[in-house]
């Protein structure tokens, strides 16, 4: 499993979100409090952030543990942004993909992370992969289940789906094709956030006074305003609002007709 976090709000130093809080994402890399599967997230990490007047985010990713990267600590201290997505990784299987397998994945204005796994990978997901255009399959960044999930989401985004719809469709399809999968997805375009709770913890902190929205695998502090998202739920949020929509599995027969 993994831990991830997305933020949209006033400009802050990345360290205020990722390393300074008592139970920060950095701390969660070796001691998560609410992770349901796995105990350590040392198989890579990444952070993506948006600069003023530039819709395409920058990324910094590495294959090793976040706590050992002094460059990240320095970046987090000085880089400031009004929107970011970061993740620490616990690899489902050993692999040679290195930082290419570390979230966030990116294309155009979007940043994406997957916390979970696809059961019976890769066999169960093969029919969905075959539904993608060959050129999109050839552009996969890594040979991992998360990279394929991103390809399925990205295909919908490019077709014009909004953030929430782009997540909900693949989650339903993958849950039907590979029962028992854990599909906590996180997506942002720098303005809005969409996420799914499907098999692991998900929380959000909505601060209407400062117009700040944080969506994370688990709270990074003990602020009483953190709210847990029920399992099998789609979250869509901006700094001004949050909506929770129950997710239902797509029956296999409907999937086969589509």
Protein backbone atom coordinates (compact mmCIF):
# COMPACT_ATOMS: atom_id res chain seq x y z
CA UNK A 1 0.00 0.00 0.00
CA UNK A 2 0.95 3.68 0.02
CA UNK A 3 0.08 7.01 1.62
CA UNK A 4 -0.83 10.09 -0.37
CA UNK A 5 -2.04 13.67 0.04
CA UNK A 6 -3.46 16.46 -2.14
CA UNK A 7 -3.78 20.12 -1.26
CA UNK A 8 -5.52 23.14 -2.81
CA UNK A 9 -5.56 26.48 -1.05
CA UNK A 10 -3.41 29.48 -0.12
CA UNK A 11 0.24 29.32 -1.14
CA UNK A 12 2.32 27.44 1.45
CA UNK A 13 5.76 25.88 1.67
CA UNK A 14 5.61 22.19 0.78
CA UNK A 15 7.23 21.39 4.11
CA UNK A 16 4.17 22.76 5.93
CA UNK A 17 2.16 19.98 4.31
CA UNK A 18 4.59 17.12 3.93
CA UNK A 19 7.27 17.17 6.60
CA UNK A 20 6.55 19.60 9.46
CA UNK A 21 3.27 18.23 10.91
CA UNK A 22 3.60 15.70 13.73
CA UNK A 23 2.11 12.89 11.64
CA UNK A 24 3.27 14.20 8.26
CA UNK A 25 3.53 12.20 5.06
CA UNK A 26 7.25 11.87 5.73
CA UNK A 27 6.49 10.36 9.13
CA UNK A 28 3.87 8.09 7.56
CA UNK A 29 6.57 6.62 5.35
CA UNK A 30 7.89 4.67 8.35
CA UNK A 31 5.05 4.89 10.90
CA UNK A 32 1.56 5.27 9.40
CA UNK A 33 -1.26 5.33 11.92
CA UNK A 34 -4.19 4.15 9.80
CA UNK A 35 -2.69 2.08 6.99
CA UNK A 36 -4.66 -1.15 6.69
CA UNK A 37 -2.12 -3.13 4.65
CA UNK A 38 1.67 -2.93 4.97
CA UNK A 39 3.73 -1.22 7.65
CA UNK A 40 6.35 0.87 5.84
CA UNK A 41 6.43 2.99 2.66
CA UNK A 42 10.05 3.05 1.56
CA UNK A 43 9.84 2.01 -2.12
CA UNK A 44 9.85 5.47 -3.61
CA UNK A 45 8.11 8.81 -3.25
CA UNK A 46 7.12 11.82 -5.26
CA UNK A 47 5.64 15.29 -5.07
CA UNK A 48 4.06 17.41 -7.77
CA UNK A 49 3.23 21.10 -7.41
CA UNK A 50 1.92 24.03 -9.45
CA UNK A 51 3.65 27.35 -9.99
CA UNK A 52 1.85 30.64 -10.54
CA UNK A 53 0.56 31.15 -14.09
CA UNK A 54 1.63 27.67 -15.21
CA UNK A 55 -1.05 24.95 -15.46
CA UNK A 56 1.51 22.16 -15.95
CA UNK A 57 2.88 20.93 -12.61
CA UNK A 58 6.50 20.18 -11.77
CA UNK A 59 7.44 16.83 -10.24
CA UNK A 60 10.21 15.47 -8.05
CA UNK A 61 10.33 11.66 -7.69
CA UNK A 62 12.83 9.15 -6.35
CA UNK A 63 13.04 5.38 -6.00
CA UNK A 64 14.23 5.33 -2.37
CA UNK A 65 12.64 6.32 0.95
CA UNK A 66 11.63 9.93 1.39
CA UNK A 67 13.38 10.24 4.78
CA UNK A 68 16.80 9.65 3.23
CA UNK A 69 16.59 12.32 0.54
CA UNK A 70 18.20 15.54 1.74
CA UNK A 71 17.41 17.29 -1.54
CA UNK A 72 13.71 16.76 -0.92
CA UNK A 73 14.03 18.22 2.57
CA UNK A 74 15.65 21.32 1.08
CA UNK A 75 13.04 21.63 -1.68
CA UNK A 76 10.17 21.25 0.79
CA UNK A 77 11.61 24.09 2.86
CA UNK A 78 11.68 26.65 0.04
CA UNK A 79 9.21 25.58 -2.67
CA UNK A 80 5.81 27.21 -2.25
CA UNK A 81 2.59 26.39 -4.04
CA UNK A 82 -1.18 26.71 -3.83
CA UNK A 83 -1.74 23.14 -5.03
CA UNK A 84 0.23 19.92 -4.65
CA UNK A 85 -0.03 16.14 -4.66
CA UNK A 86 2.48 13.84 -2.95
CA UNK A 87 2.82 10.14 -2.20
CA UNK A 88 5.08 7.62 -0.46
CA UNK A 89 5.13 4.11 -1.94
CA UNK A 90 4.97 0.58 -0.63
CA UNK A 91 5.51 -1.58 -3.72
CA UNK A 92 3.11 -4.47 -4.22
CA UNK A 93 5.81 -6.47 -6.00
CA UNK A 94 9.56 -6.01 -6.42
CA UNK A 95 10.43 -4.34 -9.71
CA UNK A 96 13.05 -2.45 -11.65
CA UNK A 97 10.96 0.56 -12.63
CA UNK A 98 12.53 2.82 -10.00
CA UNK A 99 11.22 6.35 -9.77
CA UNK A 100 9.03 5.81 -12.86
CA UNK A 101 6.76 3.71 -10.63
CA UNK A 102 6.48 6.39 -7.96
CA UNK A 103 3.47 8.69 -7.85
CA UNK A 104 2.46 11.23 -8.78
CA UNK A 105 1.89 10.27 -12.37
CA UNK A 106 1.34 13.29 -14.58
CA UNK A 107 0.01 14.47 -17.92
CA UNK A 108 -0.84 18.04 -18.88
CA UNK A 109 -2.49 19.73 -15.88
CA UNK A 110 -3.18 16.50 -13.95
CA UNK A 111 -1.42 14.75 -11.08
CA UNK A 112 -2.50 11.26 -10.00
CA UNK A 113 -1.77 8.67 -7.31
CA UNK A 114 -3.04 5.14 -6.55
CA UNK A 115 -3.01 3.72 -3.03
CA UNK A 116 -3.79 0.01 -3.28
CA UNK A 117 -3.42 -2.93 -5.65
CA UNK A 118 -5.21 -4.83 -8.37
CA UNK A 119 -5.90 -8.41 -7.34
CA UNK A 120 -4.57 -11.15 -9.62
CA UNK A 121 -2.38 -8.65 -11.43
CA UNK A 122 -1.88 -8.58 -14.38
CA UNK A 123 -4.31 -11.26 -15.59
CA UNK A 124 -7.51 -9.78 -14.13
CA UNK A 125 -6.84 -6.34 -15.60
CA UNK A 126 -5.82 -7.55 -19.06
CA UNK A 127 -9.30 -7.17 -20.64
CA UNK A 128 -9.45 -3.52 -19.53
CA UNK A 129 -5.95 -2.86 -20.82
CA UNK A 130 -6.92 -4.25 -24.21
CA UNK A 131 -9.69 -1.66 -24.38
CA UNK A 132 -7.16 1.16 -24.47
CA UNK A 133 -5.64 2.43 -27.73
CA UNK A 134 -2.27 0.71 -28.36
CA UNK A 135 -0.41 4.03 -28.36
CA UNK A 136 -1.64 4.75 -24.83
CA UNK A 137 -0.46 1.36 -23.58
CA UNK A 138 2.94 1.99 -25.11
CA UNK A 139 3.20 5.23 -23.13
CA UNK A 140 2.87 3.57 -19.69
CA UNK A 141 5.57 4.94 -17.40
CA UNK A 142 6.02 1.68 -15.49
CA UNK A 143 5.02 -1.99 -15.54
CA UNK A 144 2.83 -1.67 -12.47
CA UNK A 145 -0.86 -1.87 -11.68
CA UNK A 146 -0.86 1.81 -10.67
CA UNK A 147 0.49 2.85 -14.07
CA UNK A 148 -2.35 0.99 -15.78
CA UNK A 149 -4.93 2.54 -13.46
CA UNK A 150 -3.54 5.94 -14.42
CA UNK A 151 -3.80 5.06 -18.12
CA UNK A 152 -7.49 4.17 -17.65
CA UNK A 153 -8.15 7.42 -15.79
CA UNK A 154 -6.17 9.51 -18.27
CA UNK A 155 -8.06 8.01 -21.21
CA UNK A 156 -11.29 9.34 -19.70
CA UNK A 157 -9.81 12.74 -18.88
CA UNK A 158 -8.65 13.17 -22.45
CA UNK A 159 -12.16 12.24 -23.62
CA UNK A 160 -13.58 15.11 -21.57
CA UNK A 161 -14.67 13.49 -18.30
CA UNK A 162 -14.54 15.63 -15.17
CA UNK A 163 -12.19 14.55 -12.38
CA UNK A 164 -14.78 12.60 -10.41
CA UNK A 165 -16.19 10.72 -13.39
CA UNK A 166 -12.69 9.89 -14.61
CA UNK A 167 -11.99 8.14 -11.29
CA UNK A 168 -15.36 6.51 -10.66
CA UNK A 169 -15.53 4.66 -13.98
CA UNK A 170 -12.20 2.81 -13.70
CA UNK A 171 -12.80 2.00 -10.02
CA UNK A 172 -16.10 0.31 -10.83
CA UNK A 173 -14.64 -1.53 -13.81
CA UNK A 174 -11.55 -2.73 -11.94
CA UNK A 175 -13.59 -3.79 -8.90
CA UNK A 176 -15.78 -5.90 -11.16
CA UNK A 177 -12.87 -7.41 -13.10
CA UNK A 178 -10.65 -7.97 -10.04
CA UNK A 179 -12.76 -8.37 -6.88
CA UNK A 180 -10.89 -7.59 -3.71
CA UNK A 181 -8.77 -4.86 -5.30
CA UNK A 182 -7.93 -1.80 -3.24
CA UNK A 183 -8.57 1.32 -5.27
CA UNK A 184 -7.95 4.52 -3.36
CA UNK A 185 -7.26 7.01 -6.15
CA UNK A 186 -6.28 10.67 -5.88
CA UNK A 187 -6.37 13.24 -8.69
CA UNK A 188 -5.98 17.00 -9.02
CA UNK A 189 -5.77 19.60 -11.76
CA UNK A 190 -4.41 22.28 -9.42
CA UNK A 191 -7.86 23.73 -8.76
CA UNK A 192 -10.02 20.78 -7.70
CA UNK A 193 -9.40 17.40 -6.06
CA UNK A 194 -11.11 14.06 -6.66
CA UNK A 195 -10.48 10.89 -4.69
CA UNK A 196 -11.94 7.46 -4.03
CA UNK A 197 -12.06 5.46 -0.82
CA UNK A 198 -12.11 1.79 -1.80
CA UNK A 199 -10.29 -0.56 0.53
CA UNK A 200 -8.17 1.82 2.61
CA UNK A 201 -8.48 4.95 4.70
CA UNK A 202 -9.23 8.41 3.29
CA UNK A 203 -9.73 11.69 5.15
CA UNK A 204 -10.30 15.33 4.30
CA UNK A 205 -9.82 18.65 6.06
CA UNK A 206 -12.00 21.52 4.83
CA UNK A 207 -11.00 24.91 6.20
CA UNK A 208 -13.59 27.34 4.86
CA UNK A 209 -12.09 30.30 6.71
CA UNK A 210 -8.75 30.10 4.91
CA UNK A 211 -10.19 28.35 1.82
CA UNK A 212 -7.93 25.34 2.27
CA UNK A 213 -8.73 21.75 1.26
CA UNK A 214 -6.57 18.76 2.14
CA UNK A 215 -7.40 15.19 1.12
CA UNK A 216 -5.13 12.49 2.52
CA UNK A 217 -4.82 8.81 3.35
CA UNK A 218 -4.76 9.82 7.00
CA UNK A 219 -4.65 13.03 9.06
CA UNK A 220 -1.23 14.63 9.40
CA UNK A 221 -2.14 16.22 12.75
CA UNK A 222 -4.81 16.02 15.46
CA UNK A 223 -7.02 18.84 14.16
CA UNK A 224 -10.60 17.96 15.13
CA UNK A 225 -11.90 19.11 11.73
CA UNK A 226 -10.53 16.06 9.89
CA UNK A 227 -13.40 13.93 8.54
CA UNK A 228 -13.15 10.30 7.48
CA UNK A 229 -14.56 9.33 4.08
CA UNK A 230 -16.72 6.17 4.15
CA UNK A 231 -15.44 3.20 2.20
CA UNK A 232 -16.66 2.93 -1.41
CA UNK A 233 -17.14 6.66 -1.78
CA UNK A 234 -16.14 9.25 -4.38
CA UNK A 235 -14.96 12.60 -3.01
CA UNK A 236 -14.87 15.74 -5.14
CA UNK A 237 -13.68 18.98 -3.59
CA UNK A 238 -12.48 22.54 -4.02
CA UNK A 239 -11.40 24.95 -1.27
CA UNK A 240 -15.04 26.07 -1.05
CA UNK A 241 -16.94 22.76 -1.06
CA UNK A 242 -16.75 19.00 -0.70
CA UNK A 243 -19.14 16.36 -2.06
CA UNK A 244 -19.28 12.67 -1.13
CA UNK A 245 -21.00 10.23 -3.49
CA UNK A 246 -21.44 6.50 -2.78
CA UNK A 247 -19.77 4.22 -5.32
CA UNK A 248 -21.32 0.96 -6.44
CA UNK A 249 -19.67 -1.85 -8.32
CA UNK A 250 -20.53 -2.20 -12.00
CA UNK A 251 -22.18 -5.60 -12.60
CA UNK A 252 -20.02 -7.68 -14.92
CA UNK A 253 -22.83 -8.08 -17.47
CA UNK A 254 -23.12 -4.27 -17.82
CA UNK A 255 -19.36 -4.01 -18.22
CA UNK A 256 -19.42 -6.62 -20.96
CA UNK A 257 -22.14 -4.73 -22.88
CA UNK A 258 -20.27 -1.38 -22.73
